């Protein structure tokens, strides 16, 4: 079996099952659409809920809702592409500045001529 990141590179859609985990990150990084399907929808207001689910980047759906969404996405390639793009944009917004507390922007250089 190839490594997960290689599988993700060849995927357009990933349906994660059960408790959300970081296993979806390879698919998100590859630009695939990721859904989380769970027998009961993962509650976003509990401490253990991963931030990618809590903030809606990866939707947590019931099994039935996930199946219907997969059917809609597979039937309409434009819809799947839009969903991939929307999810990639949401992930980029979420990641923007995420490391700023480790790597703050340096002070802007001052012009010695005073201009």
Protein backbone atom coordinates (compact mmCIF):
# COMPACT_ATOMS: atom_id res chain seq x y z
CA UNK A 1 0.00 0.00 0.00
CA UNK A 2 1.44 3.42 -0.92
CA UNK A 3 1.97 6.11 1.74
CA UNK A 4 -1.07 8.19 2.64
CA UNK A 5 0.29 11.37 1.05
CA UNK A 6 0.67 9.55 -2.29
CA UNK A 7 -2.91 8.30 -2.09
CA UNK A 8 -4.06 11.82 -1.24
CA UNK A 9 -2.27 13.26 -4.28
CA UNK A 10 -4.40 11.02 -6.52
CA UNK A 11 -7.68 11.76 -4.71
CA UNK A 12 -10.38 14.35 -5.27
CA UNK A 13 -12.66 13.25 -2.44
CA UNK A 14 -11.96 11.76 0.98
CA UNK A 15 -14.64 10.48 3.31
CA UNK A 16 -13.19 10.05 6.77
CA UNK A 17 -15.18 7.73 9.02
CA UNK A 18 -15.71 8.00 12.75
CA UNK A 19 -13.80 10.22 15.11
CA UNK A 20 -12.12 13.07 13.22
CA UNK A 21 -8.33 12.86 13.18
CA UNK A 22 -5.27 14.42 11.61
CA UNK A 23 -5.34 11.67 8.97
CA UNK A 24 -7.33 14.03 6.76
CA UNK A 25 -4.51 16.60 6.61
CA UNK A 26 -2.73 14.85 3.71
CA UNK A 27 -5.95 15.05 1.69
CA UNK A 28 -6.57 18.69 2.60
CA UNK A 29 -2.97 19.55 1.69
CA UNK A 30 -3.45 17.80 -1.67
CA UNK A 31 -6.58 19.85 -2.38
CA UNK A 32 -9.09 17.01 -2.07
CA UNK A 33 -12.56 17.58 -0.66
CA UNK A 34 -12.82 16.04 2.81
CA UNK A 35 -16.03 15.04 4.60
CA UNK A 36 -16.26 13.36 7.98
CA UNK A 37 -18.97 10.70 8.24
CA UNK A 38 -19.93 9.48 11.67
CA UNK A 39 -22.80 7.39 13.05
CA UNK A 40 -23.58 10.44 15.18
CA UNK A 41 -22.55 13.94 14.10
CA UNK A 42 -19.41 15.03 15.92
CA UNK A 43 -20.37 17.80 18.36
CA UNK A 44 -18.31 20.90 17.61
CA UNK A 45 -18.68 22.37 21.09
CA UNK A 46 -16.69 19.80 23.04
CA UNK A 47 -13.03 20.23 23.90
CA UNK A 48 -11.94 17.04 22.12
CA UNK A 49 -13.38 18.13 18.78
CA UNK A 50 -10.55 18.80 16.30
CA UNK A 51 -10.41 22.46 15.23
CA UNK A 52 -10.79 21.57 11.53
CA UNK A 53 -14.22 20.15 12.34
CA UNK A 54 -15.14 22.69 15.01
CA UNK A 55 -14.61 25.62 12.65
CA UNK A 56 -16.32 23.93 9.71
CA UNK A 57 -13.35 23.37 7.39
CA UNK A 58 -14.21 19.65 7.46
CA UNK A 59 -17.94 19.08 7.82
CA UNK A 60 -19.10 16.36 10.19
CA UNK A 61 -22.10 14.60 8.67
CA UNK A 62 -24.34 11.71 9.61
CA UNK A 63 -23.74 8.59 7.54
CA UNK A 64 -26.90 9.21 5.51
CA UNK A 65 -26.10 12.88 4.88
CA UNK A 66 -22.51 12.00 3.91
CA UNK A 67 -23.73 9.40 1.42
CA UNK A 68 -26.11 11.91 -0.17
CA UNK A 69 -23.39 14.57 -0.34
CA UNK A 70 -20.94 12.13 -1.94
CA UNK A 71 -23.58 11.24 -4.53
CA UNK A 72 -24.16 14.93 -5.30
CA UNK A 73 -20.43 15.65 -5.56
CA UNK A 74 -19.74 12.68 -7.83
CA UNK A 75 -22.70 13.53 -10.07
CA UNK A 76 -21.53 17.12 -10.57
CA UNK A 77 -17.78 17.61 -11.17
CA UNK A 78 -18.19 21.41 -11.05
CA UNK A 79 -19.78 21.14 -7.60
CA UNK A 80 -16.93 18.93 -6.42
CA UNK A 81 -14.36 21.42 -7.77
CA UNK A 82 -16.15 24.33 -6.03
CA UNK A 83 -16.23 22.38 -2.77
CA UNK A 84 -12.51 21.57 -3.08
CA UNK A 85 -11.73 25.23 -3.77
CA UNK A 86 -13.93 26.47 -0.90
CA UNK A 87 -12.33 24.02 1.50
CA UNK A 88 -8.81 24.96 0.35
CA UNK A 89 -9.66 28.66 0.84
CA UNK A 90 -11.06 27.97 4.33
CA UNK A 91 -7.95 25.97 5.23
CA UNK A 92 -5.67 28.76 3.96
CA UNK A 93 -7.59 31.37 5.98
CA UNK A 94 -7.36 29.14 9.03
CA UNK A 95 -3.62 28.65 8.57
CA UNK A 96 -2.86 32.32 7.86
CA UNK A 97 -0.81 33.61 10.74
CA UNK A 98 -1.03 30.31 12.61
CA UNK A 99 2.72 30.32 13.19
CA UNK A 100 3.01 34.07 13.84
CA UNK A 101 3.60 33.56 17.56
CA UNK A 102 6.64 31.38 16.67
CA UNK A 103 7.88 33.44 13.72
CA UNK A 104 6.73 37.05 14.14
CA UNK A 105 7.20 39.47 11.26
CA UNK A 106 10.43 41.40 11.70
CA UNK A 107 10.27 45.10 12.36
CA UNK A 108 10.02 47.01 9.10
CA UNK A 109 13.40 48.23 7.96
CA UNK A 110 13.90 51.93 8.40
CA UNK A 111 15.39 54.05 5.67
CA UNK A 112 18.66 55.55 6.96
CA UNK A 113 18.12 58.57 4.70
CA UNK A 114 14.84 59.26 6.50
CA UNK A 115 12.75 58.95 3.37
